[in-house]
PDB file of N, CA and C in Angstrom:
ATOM      1  N   ASP A   1       0.847  -1.284  -0.079  1.00  0.00           N
ATOM      2  CA  ASP A   1      -0.007   0.061  -0.014  1.00  0.00           C
ATOM      3  C   ASP A   1       0.849   1.220  -0.008  1.00  0.00           C
ATOM      4  N   LEU A   2       0.264   2.238  -0.343  1.00  0.00           N
ATOM      5  CA  LEU A   2       1.005   3.693  -0.393  1.00  0.00           C
ATOM      6  C   LEU A   2       0.303   4.526   0.672  1.00  0.00           C
ATOM      7  N   ASP A   3       1.031   5.163   1.650  1.00  0.00           N
ATOM      8  CA  ASP A   3       0.567   5.909   2.636  1.00  0.00           C
ATOM      9  C   ASP A   3       0.820   7.395   2.004  1.00  0.00           C
ATOM     10  N   LEU A   4      -0.214   8.185   2.038  1.00  0.00           N
ATOM     11  CA  LEU A   4       0.017   9.672   1.591  1.00  0.00           C
ATOM     12  C   LEU A   4      -0.534  10.694   2.629  1.00  0.00           C
ATOM     13  N   GLY A   5       0.255  11.564   2.933  1.00  0.00           N
ATOM     14  CA  GLY A   5      -0.240  12.754   3.941  1.00  0.00           C
ATOM     15  C   GLY A   5      -1.029  13.655   3.029  1.00  0.00           C
ATOM     16  N   VAL A   6      -2.166  13.933   3.304  1.00  0.00           N
ATOM     17  CA  VAL A   6      -3.026  14.911   2.547  1.00  0.00           C
ATOM     18  C   VAL A   6      -3.339  16.002   3.450  1.00  0.00           C
ATOM     19  N   VAL A   7      -3.291  17.326   2.847  1.00  0.00           N
ATOM     20  CA  VAL A   7      -3.743  18.503   3.582  1.00  0.00           C
ATOM     21  C   VAL A   7      -5.292  18.322   4.014  1.00  0.00           C
ATOM     22  N   ARG A   8      -5.645  18.490   5.256  1.00  0.00           N
ATOM     23  CA  ARG A   8      -7.077  18.111   5.577  1.00  0.00           C
ATOM     24  C   ARG A   8      -8.063  18.741   4.673  1.00  0.00           C
ATOM     25  N   ASP A   9      -7.867  20.108   4.418  1.00  0.00           N
ATOM     26  CA  ASP A   9      -8.892  20.772   3.552  1.00  0.00           C
ATOM     27  C   ASP A   9      -9.022  20.127   2.191  1.00  0.00           C
ATOM     28  N   GLU A  10      -7.977  19.507   1.646  1.00  0.00           N
ATOM     29  CA  GLU A  10      -8.026  18.938   0.360  1.00  0.00           C
ATOM     30  C   GLU A  10      -8.394  17.369   0.175  1.00  0.00           C
ATOM     31  N   LEU A  11      -8.678  16.864   1.350  1.00  0.00           N
ATOM     32  CA  LEU A  11      -8.871  15.494   1.419  1.00  0.00           C
ATOM     33  C   LEU A  11     -10.100  15.065   0.431  1.00  0.00           C
ATOM     34  N   GLU A  12     -11.145  15.758   0.458  1.00  0.00           N
ATOM     35  CA  GLU A  12     -12.294  15.422  -0.419  1.00  0.00           C
ATOM     36  C   GLU A  12     -12.026  15.463  -1.880  1.00  0.00           C
ATOM     37  N   ARG A  13     -11.080  16.464  -2.217  1.00  0.00           N
ATOM     38  CA  ARG A  13     -10.681  16.731  -3.642  1.00  0.00           C
ATOM     39  C   ARG A  13      -9.816  15.463  -4.027  1.00  0.00           C
ATOM     40  N   VAL A  14      -8.894  15.113  -3.069  1.00  0.00           N
ATOM     41  CA  VAL A  14      -7.930  13.870  -3.479  1.00  0.00           C
ATOM     42  C   VAL A  14      -8.733  12.632  -3.556  1.00  0.00           C
ATOM     43  N   VAL A  15      -9.771  12.497  -2.751  1.00  0.00           N
ATOM     44  CA  VAL A  15     -10.654  11.154  -2.833  1.00  0.00           C
ATOM     45  C   VAL A  15     -11.260  11.257  -4.111  1.00  0.00           C
ATOM     46  N   GLY A  16     -11.721  12.406  -4.617  1.00  0.00           N
ATOM     47  CA  GLY A  16     -12.517  12.465  -5.950  1.00  0.00           C
ATOM     48  C   GLY A  16     -11.527  12.173  -7.126  1.00  0.00           C
ATOM     49  N   VAL A  17     -10.246  12.420  -6.939  1.00  0.00           N
ATOM     50  CA  VAL A  17      -9.265  12.222  -7.953  1.00  0.00           C
ATOM     51  C   VAL A  17      -9.023  10.822  -7.999  1.00  0.00           C
ATOM     52  N   LEU A  18      -8.806  10.224  -6.814  1.00  0.00           N
ATOM     53  CA  LEU A  18      -8.559   8.720  -6.848  1.00  0.00           C
ATOM     54  C   LEU A  18      -9.835   8.000  -7.234  1.00  0.00           C
ATOM     55  N   ASN A  19     -11.097   8.405  -6.967  1.00  0.00           N
ATOM     56  CA  ASN A  19     -12.246   7.624  -7.368  1.00  0.00           C
ATOM     57  C   ASN A  19     -12.188   7.698  -9.069  1.00  0.00           C
ATOM     58  N   ARG A  20     -11.803   8.839  -9.712  1.00  0.00           N
ATOM     59  CA  ARG A  20     -11.780   8.843 -11.005  1.00  0.00           C
ATOM     60  C   ARG A  20     -10.666   7.963 -11.687  1.00  0.00           C
ATOM     61  N   LEU A  21      -9.580   7.597 -10.934  1.00  0.00           N
ATOM     62  CA  LEU A  21      -8.617   6.684 -11.220  1.00  0.00           C
ATOM     63  C   LEU A  21      -9.054   5.217 -10.902  1.00  0.00           C
ATOM     64  N   GLY A  22     -10.302   4.931 -10.457  1.00  0.00           N
ATOM     65  CA  GLY A  22     -10.618   3.764 -10.145  1.00  0.00           C
ATOM     66  C   GLY A  22     -10.553   3.037  -8.678  1.00  0.00           C
ATOM     67  N   TYR A  23     -10.352   4.139  -7.782  1.00  0.00           N
ATOM     68  CA  TYR A  23     -10.183   3.692  -6.344  1.00  0.00           C
ATOM     69  C   TYR A  23     -11.539   3.998  -5.694  1.00  0.00           C
ATOM     70  N   GLU A  24     -11.934   3.127  -4.778  1.00  0.00           N
ATOM     71  CA  GLU A  24     -13.130   3.330  -3.942  1.00  0.00           C
ATOM     72  C   GLU A  24     -12.750   3.215  -2.433  1.00  0.00           C
ATOM     73  N   VAL A  25     -13.481   4.031  -1.671  1.00  0.00           N
ATOM     74  CA  VAL A  25     -13.192   3.927  -0.265  1.00  0.00           C
ATOM     75  C   VAL A  25     -13.556   2.749   0.354  1.00  0.00           C
ATOM     76  N   THR A  26     -12.780   1.878   1.052  1.00  0.00           N
ATOM     77  CA  THR A  26     -12.891   0.631   1.603  1.00  0.00           C
ATOM     78  C   THR A  26     -12.815   0.556   3.153  1.00  0.00           C
ATOM     79  N   ASP A  27     -12.401   1.701   3.773  1.00  0.00           N
ATOM     80  CA  ASP A  27     -12.255   1.783   5.097  1.00  0.00           C
ATOM     81  C   ASP A  27     -12.322   3.252   5.701  1.00  0.00           C
ATOM     82  N   ALA A  28     -13.570   3.579   6.225  1.00  0.00           N
ATOM     83  CA  ALA A  28     -13.545   5.000   6.582  1.00  0.00           C
ATOM     84  C   ALA A  28     -13.895   5.126   8.169  1.00  0.00           C
ATOM     85  N   ARG A  29     -13.377   4.073   8.991  1.00  0.00           N
ATOM     86  CA  ARG A  29     -13.742   4.009  10.317  1.00  0.00           C
ATOM     87  C   ARG A  29     -12.979   5.062  11.062  1.00  0.00           C
ATOM     88  N   TYR A  30     -11.892   5.478  10.634  1.00  0.00           N
ATOM     89  CA  TYR A  30     -11.180   6.580  11.495  1.00  0.00           C
ATOM     90  C   TYR A  30     -10.816   7.744  10.630  1.00  0.00           C
ATOM     91  N   PRO A  31     -11.743   8.514  10.209  1.00  0.00           N
ATOM     92  CA  PRO A  31     -11.617   9.510   9.232  1.00  0.00           C
ATOM     93  C   PRO A  31     -10.621  10.622   9.585  1.00  0.00           C
ATOM     94  N   ASP A  32     -10.378  10.814  10.941  1.00  0.00           N
ATOM     95  CA  ASP A  32      -9.557  11.840  11.302  1.00  0.00           C
ATOM     96  C   ASP A  32      -8.106  11.336  11.322  1.00  0.00           C
ATOM     97  N   VAL A  33      -7.979   9.938  11.208  1.00  0.00           N
ATOM     98  CA  VAL A  33      -6.598   9.469  11.224  1.00  0.00           C
ATOM     99  C   VAL A  33      -6.241   8.821   9.833  1.00  0.00           C
ATOM    100  N   THR A  34      -7.073   8.117   9.276  1.00  0.00           N
ATOM    101  CA  THR A  34      -6.728   7.464   7.896  1.00  0.00           C
ATOM    102  C   THR A  34      -7.977   7.173   7.078  1.00  0.00           C
ATOM    103  N   LEU A  35      -7.932   7.235   5.818  1.00  0.00           N
ATOM    104  CA  LEU A  35      -9.072   6.892   4.984  1.00  0.00           C
ATOM    105  C   LEU A  35      -8.328   5.916   3.868  1.00  0.00           C
ATOM    106  N   GLN A  36      -8.870   4.713   3.913  1.00  0.00           N
ATOM    107  CA  GLN A  36      -8.345   3.671   2.853  1.00  0.00           C
ATOM    108  C   GLN A  36      -9.295   3.545   1.747  1.00  0.00           C
ATOM    109  N   LEU A  37      -8.483   3.589   0.519  1.00  0.00           N
ATOM    110  CA  LEU A  37      -9.028   3.290  -0.691  1.00  0.00           C
ATOM    111  C   LEU A  37      -8.463   2.314  -1.372  1.00  0.00           C
ATOM    112  N   THR A  38      -9.132   1.415  -2.106  1.00  0.00           N
ATOM    113  CA  THR A  38      -8.712   0.259  -2.865  1.00  0.00           C
ATOM    114  C   THR A  38      -8.982   0.428  -4.299  1.00  0.00           C
ATOM    115  N   HIS A  39      -8.137   0.108  -5.339  1.00  0.00           N
ATOM    116  CA  HIS A  39      -8.347   0.029  -6.674  1.00  0.00           C
ATOM    117  C   HIS A  39      -9.317  -1.117  -6.988  1.00  0.00           C
ATOM    118  N   VAL A  40     -10.380  -0.835  -7.787  1.00  0.00           N
ATOM    119  CA  VAL A  40     -11.460  -1.791  -7.876  1.00  0.00           C
ATOM    120  C   VAL A  40     -11.011  -3.010  -8.865  1.00  0.00           C
ATOM    121  N   VAL A  41     -10.072  -2.738  -9.527  1.00  0.00           N
ATOM    122  CA  VAL A  41      -9.691  -3.847 -10.536  1.00  0.00           C
ATOM    123  C   VAL A  41      -8.230  -4.387 -10.110  1.00  0.00           C
ATOM    124  N   GLU A  42      -7.254  -3.628  -9.729  1.00  0.00           N
ATOM    125  CA  GLU A  42      -6.050  -4.092  -9.577  1.00  0.00           C
ATOM    126  C   GLU A  42      -5.748  -4.479  -8.046  1.00  0.00           C
ATOM    127  N   GLY A  43      -6.561  -3.893  -7.158  1.00  0.00           N
ATOM    128  CA  GLY A  43      -6.550  -4.156  -5.810  1.00  0.00           C
ATOM    129  C   GLY A  43      -5.381  -3.484  -5.048  1.00  0.00           C
ATOM    130  N   HIS A  44      -4.727  -2.439  -5.705  1.00  0.00           N
ATOM    131  CA  HIS A  44      -3.795  -1.569  -4.949  1.00  0.00           C
ATOM    132  C   HIS A  44      -4.535  -0.732  -3.926  1.00  0.00           C
ATOM    133  N   ARG A  45      -3.753  -0.442  -2.761  1.00  0.00           N
ATOM    134  CA  ARG A  45      -4.349   0.254  -1.739  1.00  0.00           C
ATOM    135  C   ARG A  45      -3.715   1.633  -1.590  1.00  0.00           C
ATOM    136  N   VAL A  46      -4.460   2.693  -1.166  1.00  0.00           N
ATOM    137  CA  VAL A  46      -3.811   3.902  -0.873  1.00  0.00           C
ATOM    138  C   VAL A  46      -4.404   4.359   0.563  1.00  0.00           C
ATOM    139  N   ASP A  47      -3.584   4.614   1.386  1.00  0.00           N
ATOM    140  CA  ASP A  47      -4.120   5.190   2.684  1.00  0.00           C
ATOM    141  C   ASP A  47      -3.833   6.696   2.740  1.00  0.00           C
ATOM    142  N   LEU A  48      -4.816   7.437   2.921  1.00  0.00           N
ATOM    143  CA  LEU A  48      -4.800   8.956   3.064  1.00  0.00           C
ATOM    144  C   LEU A  48      -4.766   9.329   4.567  1.00  0.00           C
ATOM    145  N   HIS A  49      -3.829  10.190   4.914  1.00  0.00           N
ATOM    146  CA  HIS A  49      -3.673  10.565   6.311  1.00  0.00           C
ATOM    147  C   HIS A  49      -3.928  12.116   6.289  1.00  0.00           C
ATOM    148  N   PRO A  50      -5.059  12.588   6.790  1.00  0.00           N
ATOM    149  CA  PRO A  50      -5.118  13.933   6.825  1.00  0.00           C
ATOM    150  C   PRO A  50      -4.277  14.792   7.717  1.00  0.00           C
ATOM    151  N   SER A  51      -3.748  15.766   7.216  1.00  0.00           N
ATOM    152  CA  SER A  51      -2.858  16.534   8.117  1.00  0.00           C
ATOM    153  C   SER A  51      -2.957  17.923   8.019  1.00  0.00           C
ATOM    154  N   THR A  52      -2.405  18.755   8.903  1.00  0.00           N
ATOM    155  CA  THR A  52      -2.372  20.196   9.117  1.00  0.00           C
ATOM    156  C   THR A  52      -1.112  20.655   9.064  1.00  0.00           C
ATOM    157  N   ALA A  53      -0.714  21.636   8.267  1.00  0.00           N
ATOM    158  CA  ALA A  53       0.596  22.198   8.418  1.00  0.00           C
ATOM    159  C   ALA A  53       0.677  23.168   9.533  1.00  0.00           C
ATOM    160  N   VAL A  54       1.871  23.040  10.256  1.00  0.00           N
ATOM    161  CA  VAL A  54       2.293  23.779  11.353  1.00  0.00           C
ATOM    162  C   VAL A  54       3.590  24.096  11.370  1.00  0.00           C
ATOM    163  N   ASP A  55       4.243  25.050  12.241  1.00  0.00           N
ATOM    164  CA  ASP A  55       5.598  25.272  12.286  1.00  0.00           C
ATOM    165  C   ASP A  55       6.389  24.153  12.573  1.00  0.00           C
ATOM    166  N   GLY A  56       7.359  23.736  11.926  1.00  0.00           N
ATOM    167  CA  GLY A  56       8.167  22.617  12.141  1.00  0.00           C
ATOM    168  C   GLY A  56       7.708  21.270  11.471  1.00  0.00           C
ATOM    169  N   GLY A  57       6.555  21.334  10.645  1.00  0.00           N
ATOM    170  CA  GLY A  57       6.148  20.121  10.196  1.00  0.00           C
ATOM    171  C   GLY A  57       4.658  19.984   9.811  1.00  0.00           C
ATOM    172  N   THR A  58       4.062  18.951  10.237  1.00  0.00           N
ATOM    173  CA  THR A  58       2.625  18.812  10.010  1.00  0.00           C
ATOM    174  C   THR A  58       2.144  18.120  11.113  1.00  0.00           C
ATOM    175  N   GLU A  59       0.911  18.302  11.496  1.00  0.00           N
ATOM    176  CA  GLU A  59       0.257  17.618  12.616  1.00  0.00           C
ATOM    177  C   GLU A  59      -0.822  16.548  12.006  1.00  0.00           C
ATOM    178  N   GLN A  60      -0.778  15.365  12.684  1.00  0.00           N
ATOM    179  CA  GLN A  60      -1.679  14.230  12.320  1.00  0.00           C
ATOM    180  C   GLN A  60      -2.188  13.828  13.524  1.00  0.00           C
ATOM    181  N   VAL A  61      -3.445  13.188  13.555  1.00  0.00           N
ATOM    182  CA  VAL A  61      -4.092  12.590  14.769  1.00  0.00           C
ATOM    183  C   VAL A  61      -3.683  11.148  14.783  1.00  0.00           C
ATOM    184  N   ASP A  62      -3.389  10.584  15.969  1.00  0.00           N
ATOM    185  CA  ASP A  62      -3.140   9.169  16.264  1.00  0.00           C
ATOM    186  C   ASP A  62      -4.400   8.466  16.476  1.00  0.00           C
ATOM    187  N   PHE A  63      -4.396   7.070  16.349  1.00  0.00           N
ATOM    188  CA  PHE A  63      -5.500   6.357  16.626  1.00  0.00           C
ATOM    189  C   PHE A  63      -6.067   6.458  18.004  1.00  0.00           C
ATOM    190  N   ASP A  64      -5.232   6.938  18.997  1.00  0.00           N
ATOM    191  CA  ASP A  64      -5.692   7.130  20.279  1.00  0.00           C
ATOM    192  C   ASP A  64      -6.245   8.505  20.506  1.00  0.00           C
ATOM    193  N   GLY A  65      -6.215   9.362  19.552  1.00  0.00           N
ATOM    194  CA  GLY A  65      -6.724  10.795  19.541  1.00  0.00           C
ATOM    195  C   GLY A  65      -5.805  11.836  19.872  1.00  0.00           C
ATOM    196  N   ASP A  66      -4.620  11.435  20.153  1.00  0.00           N
ATOM    197  CA  ASP A  66      -3.444  12.404  20.361  1.00  0.00           C
ATOM    198  C   ASP A  66      -3.060  13.035  19.070  1.00  0.00           C
ATOM    199  N   VAL A  67      -2.512  14.283  19.035  1.00  0.00           N
ATOM    200  CA  VAL A  67      -2.109  14.976  17.927  1.00  0.00           C
ATOM    201  C   VAL A  67      -0.520  15.035  17.912  1.00  0.00           C
ATOM    202  N   ARG A  68       0.073  14.608  16.867  1.00  0.00           N
ATOM    203  CA  ARG A  68       1.395  14.464  16.862  1.00  0.00           C
ATOM    204  C   ARG A  68       2.000  15.348  15.673  1.00  0.00           C
ATOM    205  N   VAL A  69       3.080  15.878  15.957  1.00  0.00           N
ATOM    206  CA  VAL A  69       3.880  16.670  15.070  1.00  0.00           C
ATOM    207  C   VAL A  69       4.757  15.740  14.168  1.00  0.00           C
ATOM    208  N   ILE A  70       4.693  15.750  12.807  1.00  0.00           N
ATOM    209  CA  ILE A  70       5.711  14.991  12.069  1.00  0.00           C
ATOM    210  C   ILE A  70       6.640  15.960  11.480  1.00  0.00           C
ATOM    211  N   PRO A  71       7.906  15.708  11.643  1.00  0.00           N
ATOM    212  CA  PRO A  71       9.026  16.654  11.312  1.00  0.00           C
ATOM    213  C   PRO A  71       8.861  16.855   9.831  1.00  0.00           C
ATOM    214  N   PRO A  72       9.648  17.768   9.234  1.00  0.00           N
ATOM    215  CA  PRO A  72       9.618  18.082   7.835  1.00  0.00           C
ATOM    216  C   PRO A  72       9.816  16.954   6.940  1.00  0.00           C
ATOM    217  N   ALA A  73       9.388  16.844   5.729  1.00  0.00           N
ATOM    218  CA  ALA A  73       9.639  15.673   4.961  1.00  0.00           C
ATOM    219  C   ALA A  73      11.064  15.591   4.434  1.00  0.00           C
ATOM    220  N   VAL A  74      11.563  14.396   4.146  1.00  0.00           N
ATOM    221  CA  VAL A  74      12.973  14.126   3.557  1.00  0.00           C
ATOM    222  C   VAL A  74      12.666  13.513   2.267  1.00  0.00           C
ATOM    223  N   GLU A  75      13.783  13.429   1.487  1.00  0.00           N
ATOM    224  CA  GLU A  75      13.664  13.058   0.067  1.00  0.00           C
ATOM    225  C   GLU A  75      13.605  11.518  -0.027  1.00  0.00           C
ATOM    226  N   GLY A  76      12.762  10.945  -0.913  1.00  0.00           N
ATOM    227  CA  GLY A  76      12.763   9.687  -1.065  1.00  0.00           C
ATOM    228  C   GLY A  76      12.568   9.383  -2.694  1.00  0.00           C
ATOM    229  N   TRP A  77      12.369   8.227  -3.059  1.00  0.00           N
ATOM    230  CA  TRP A  77      12.041   7.771  -4.514  1.00  0.00           C
ATOM    231  C   TRP A  77      11.186   6.828  -4.682  1.00  0.00           C
ATOM    232  N   ILE A  78      10.191   6.869  -5.570  1.00  0.00           N
ATOM    233  CA  ILE A  78       9.310   5.872  -5.970  1.00  0.00           C
ATOM    234  C   ILE A  78       9.409   5.798  -7.398  1.00  0.00           C
ATOM    235  N   GLY A  79       9.686   4.595  -7.846  1.00  0.00           N
ATOM    236  CA  GLY A  79       9.745   4.131  -9.241  1.00  0.00           C
ATOM    237  C   GLY A  79      10.670   5.386 -10.123  1.00  0.00           C
ATOM    238  N   GLY A  80      11.822   5.832  -9.515  1.00  0.00           N
ATOM    239  CA  GLY A  80      12.743   6.748 -10.071  1.00  0.00           C
ATOM    240  C   GLY A  80      12.288   8.173 -10.035  1.00  0.00           C
ATOM    241  N   VAL A  81      11.172   8.427  -9.243  1.00  0.00           N
ATOM    242  CA  VAL A  81      10.677   9.617  -9.273  1.00  0.00           C
ATOM    243  C   VAL A  81      10.925  10.191  -7.757  1.00  0.00           C
ATOM    244  N   LYS A  82      11.411  11.456  -7.716  1.00  0.00           N
ATOM    245  CA  LYS A  82      11.688  12.026  -6.389  1.00  0.00           C
ATOM    246  C   LYS A  82      10.453  12.446  -5.613  1.00  0.00           C
ATOM    247  N   VAL A  83      10.272  12.070  -4.465  1.00  0.00           N
ATOM    248  CA  VAL A  83       8.998  12.270  -3.555  1.00  0.00           C
ATOM    249  C   VAL A  83       9.326  12.679  -2.233  1.00  0.00           C
ATOM    250  N   ARG A  84       8.494  13.547  -1.606  1.00  0.00           N
ATOM    251  CA  ARG A  84       8.616  13.790  -0.180  1.00  0.00           C
ATOM    252  C   ARG A  84       8.240  12.735   0.582  1.00  0.00           C
ATOM    253  N   CYS A  85       8.868  12.375   1.680  1.00  0.00           N
ATOM    254  CA  CYS A  85       8.586  11.245   2.561  1.00  0.00           C
ATOM    255  C   CYS A  85       8.641  11.771   4.059  1.00  0.00           C
ATOM    256  N   MET A  86       8.001  11.081   4.939  1.00  0.00           N
ATOM    257  CA  MET A  86       8.024  11.176   6.393  1.00  0.00           C
ATOM    258  C   MET A  86       9.319  10.614   6.742  1.00  0.00           C
ATOM    259  N   PRO A  87      10.003  11.244   7.641  1.00  0.00           N
ATOM    260  CA  PRO A  87      11.301  10.658   8.236  1.00  0.00           C
ATOM    261  C   PRO A  87      10.985   9.220   8.777  1.00  0.00           C
ATOM    262  N   VAL A  88      11.991   8.275   8.740  1.00  0.00           N
ATOM    263  CA  VAL A  88      11.919   6.997   9.131  1.00  0.00           C
ATOM    264  C   VAL A  88      11.322   6.817  10.616  1.00  0.00           C
ATOM    265  N   GLU A  89      11.728   7.631  11.670  1.00  0.00           N
ATOM    266  CA  GLU A  89      11.238   7.557  12.940  1.00  0.00           C
ATOM    267  C   GLU A  89       9.719   7.917  12.957  1.00  0.00           C
ATOM    268  N   ALA A  90       9.377   8.788  12.011  1.00  0.00           N
ATOM    269  CA  ALA A  90       7.942   9.206  12.101  1.00  0.00           C
ATOM    270  C   ALA A  90       7.131   8.129  11.577  1.00  0.00           C
ATOM    271  N   GLN A  91       7.703   7.421  10.458  1.00  0.00           N
ATOM    272  CA  GLN A  91       7.049   6.321   9.887  1.00  0.00           C
ATOM    273  C   GLN A  91       6.759   5.014  10.890  1.00  0.00           C
ATOM    274  N   ARG A  92       7.890   4.926  11.759  1.00  0.00           N
ATOM    275  CA  ARG A  92       7.723   3.882  12.793  1.00  0.00           C
ATOM    276  C   ARG A  92       6.737   4.218  13.711  1.00  0.00           C
ATOM    277  N   ARG A  93       6.696   5.575  14.184  1.00  0.00           N
ATOM    278  CA  ARG A  93       5.540   5.929  15.210  1.00  0.00           C
ATOM    279  C   ARG A  93       4.145   5.719  14.560  1.00  0.00           C
ATOM    280  N   ALA A  94       4.117   5.920  13.208  1.00  0.00           N
ATOM    281  CA  ALA A  94       2.686   5.748  12.574  1.00  0.00           C
ATOM    282  C   ALA A  94       2.130   4.451  12.740  1.00  0.00           C
ATOM    283  N   ARG A  95       3.110   3.495  13.058  1.00  0.00           N
ATOM    284  CA  ARG A  95       2.546   2.051  13.207  1.00  0.00           C
ATOM    285  C   ARG A  95       2.407   1.579  14.451  1.00  0.00           C
ATOM    286  N   GLN A  96       1.989   2.444  15.252  1.00  0.00           N
ATOM    287  CA  GLN A  96       1.619   2.350  16.728  1.00  0.00           C
ATOM    288  C   GLN A  96       0.153   2.468  17.174  1.00  0.00           C
ATOM    289  N   GLY A  97      -0.333   1.944  18.015  1.00  0.00           N
ATOM    290  CA  GLY A  97      -1.656   2.245  18.443  1.00  0.00           C
ATOM    291  C   GLY A  97      -2.776   1.279  17.740  1.00  0.00           C
ATOM    292  N   TYR A  98      -2.356   0.361  17.085  1.00  0.00           N
ATOM    293  CA  TYR A  98      -3.292  -0.658  16.371  1.00  0.00           C
ATOM    294  C   TYR A  98      -2.518  -1.916  16.232  1.00  0.00           C
ATOM    295  N   VAL A  99      -3.350  -2.975  16.038  1.00  0.00           N
ATOM    296  CA  VAL A  99      -2.849  -4.341  15.771  1.00  0.00           C
ATOM    297  C   VAL A  99      -2.089  -4.373  14.417  1.00  0.00           C
ATOM    298  N   LEU A 100      -0.775  -4.690  14.342  1.00  0.00           N
ATOM    299  CA  LEU A 100      -0.048  -4.659  13.000  1.00  0.00           C
ATOM    300  C   LEU A 100      -0.463  -5.712  12.210  1.00  0.00           C
ATOM    301  N   ARG A 101      -0.629  -5.471  10.913  1.00  0.00           N
ATOM    302  CA  ARG A 101      -0.910  -6.429   9.933  1.00  0.00           C
ATOM    303  C   ARG A 101       0.294  -6.991   9.321  1.00  0.00           C
ATOM    304  N   ALA A 102       0.176  -7.924   8.412  1.00  0.00           N
ATOM    305  CA  ALA A 102       1.334  -8.417   7.720  1.00  0.00           C
ATOM    306  C   ALA A 102       2.013  -7.353   6.809  1.00  0.00           C
ATOM    307  N   GLN A 103       1.420  -6.403   6.227  1.00  0.00           N
ATOM    308  CA  GLN A 103       2.047  -5.392   5.463  1.00  0.00           C
ATOM    309  C   GLN A 103       2.730  -4.377   6.364  1.00  0.00           C
ATOM    310  N   ASP A 104       2.156  -4.208   7.651  1.00  0.00           N
ATOM    311  CA  ASP A 104       2.994  -3.300   8.533  1.00  0.00           C
ATOM    312  C   ASP A 104       4.313  -3.952   8.928  1.00  0.00           C
ATOM    313  N   HIS A 105       4.136  -5.198   9.311  1.00  0.00           N
ATOM    314  CA  HIS A 105       5.535  -5.997   9.660  1.00  0.00           C
ATOM    315  C   HIS A 105       6.441  -5.848   8.497  1.00  0.00           C
ATOM    316  N   HIS A 106       5.955  -5.928   7.273  1.00  0.00           N
ATOM    317  CA  HIS A 106       6.721  -5.827   6.069  1.00  0.00           C
ATOM    318  C   HIS A 106       7.444  -4.452   5.946  1.00  0.00           C
ATOM    319  N   ASP A 107       6.629  -3.476   6.167  1.00  0.00           N
ATOM    320  CA  ASP A 107       7.198  -2.005   6.110  1.00  0.00           C
ATOM    321  C   ASP A 107       8.165  -1.777   7.129  1.00  0.00           C
ATOM    322  N   LEU A 108       8.033  -2.487   8.327  1.00  0.00           N
ATOM    323  CA  LEU A 108       8.998  -2.168   9.397  1.00  0.00           C
ATOM    324  C   LEU A 108      10.221  -2.879   9.058  1.00  0.00           C
ATOM    325  N   ARG A 109      10.174  -3.975   8.347  1.00  0.00           N
ATOM    326  CA  ARG A 109      11.540  -4.516   7.957  1.00  0.00           C
ATOM    327  C   ARG A 109      12.150  -3.726   7.010  1.00  0.00           C
ATOM    328  N   LEU A 110      11.476  -3.117   6.057  1.00  0.00           N
ATOM    329  CA  LEU A 110      11.959  -2.122   4.997  1.00  0.00           C
ATOM    330  C   LEU A 110      12.666  -0.941   5.614  1.00  0.00           C
ATOM    331  N   LEU A 111      11.927  -0.419   6.794  1.00  0.00           N
ATOM    332  CA  LEU A 111      12.572   0.742   7.531  1.00  0.00           C
ATOM    333  C   LEU A 111      13.754   0.336   8.269  1.00  0.00           C
ATOM    334  N   ASP A 112      13.840  -1.032   8.849  1.00  0.00           N
ATOM    335  CA  ASP A 112      15.089  -1.543   9.477  1.00  0.00           C
ATOM    336  C   ASP A 112      16.190  -1.490   8.402  1.00  0.00           C
ATOM    337  N   ALA A 113      15.909  -1.889   7.192  1.00  0.00           N
ATOM    338  CA  ALA A 113      17.041  -1.996   6.114  1.00  0.00           C
ATOM    339  C   ALA A 113      17.444  -0.585   5.730  1.00  0.00           C
ATOM    340  N   LEU A 114      16.566   0.403   5.759  1.00  0.00           N
ATOM    341  CA  LEU A 114      16.984   1.744   5.327  1.00  0.00           C
ATOM    342  C   LEU A 114      17.892   2.341   6.483  1.00  0.00           C
ATOM    343  N   GLU A 115      17.643   1.946   7.806  1.00  0.00           N
ATOM    344  CA  GLU A 115      18.382   2.464   8.772  1.00  0.00           C
ATOM    345  C   GLU A 115      19.807   1.853   8.886  1.00  0.00           C
ATOM    346  N   GLN A 116      19.986   0.674   8.154  1.00  0.00           N
ATOM    347  CA  GLN A 116      21.262   0.007   8.101  1.00  0.00           C
ATOM    348  C   GLN A 116      22.239   0.516   6.991  1.00  0.00           C
ATOM    349  N   ASP A 117      21.411   1.063   6.081  1.00  0.00           N
ATOM    350  CA  ASP A 117      22.249   1.595   4.851  1.00  0.00           C
ATOM    351  C   ASP A 117      23.091   2.841   5.317  1.00  0.00           C
TER     352      ASP A 117
END
């Protein structure tokens, strides 16, 4: 899956764009924390995480309702395209407060590998 931080005020517009690309909302249980969309044909998943810009980064709500500040983005790559990414420590923290799924354990192993480089 692909996790995207989305400016809270733009969330509806981003969902509309993804709908036009073949994605449907498949999990909206925690709309302040994350909104999950899945491609109806290919099964790819996108998790949108609403955020608000603040001094020193962005604010996002945790599953326990706490607000956390994510440090400024770092440089990363997806398919040869430069993208803005959450720092590794913030990505780890984002995987707390819920029962980890197989893909979360997979992501954590990838984060471990990044820290060893």
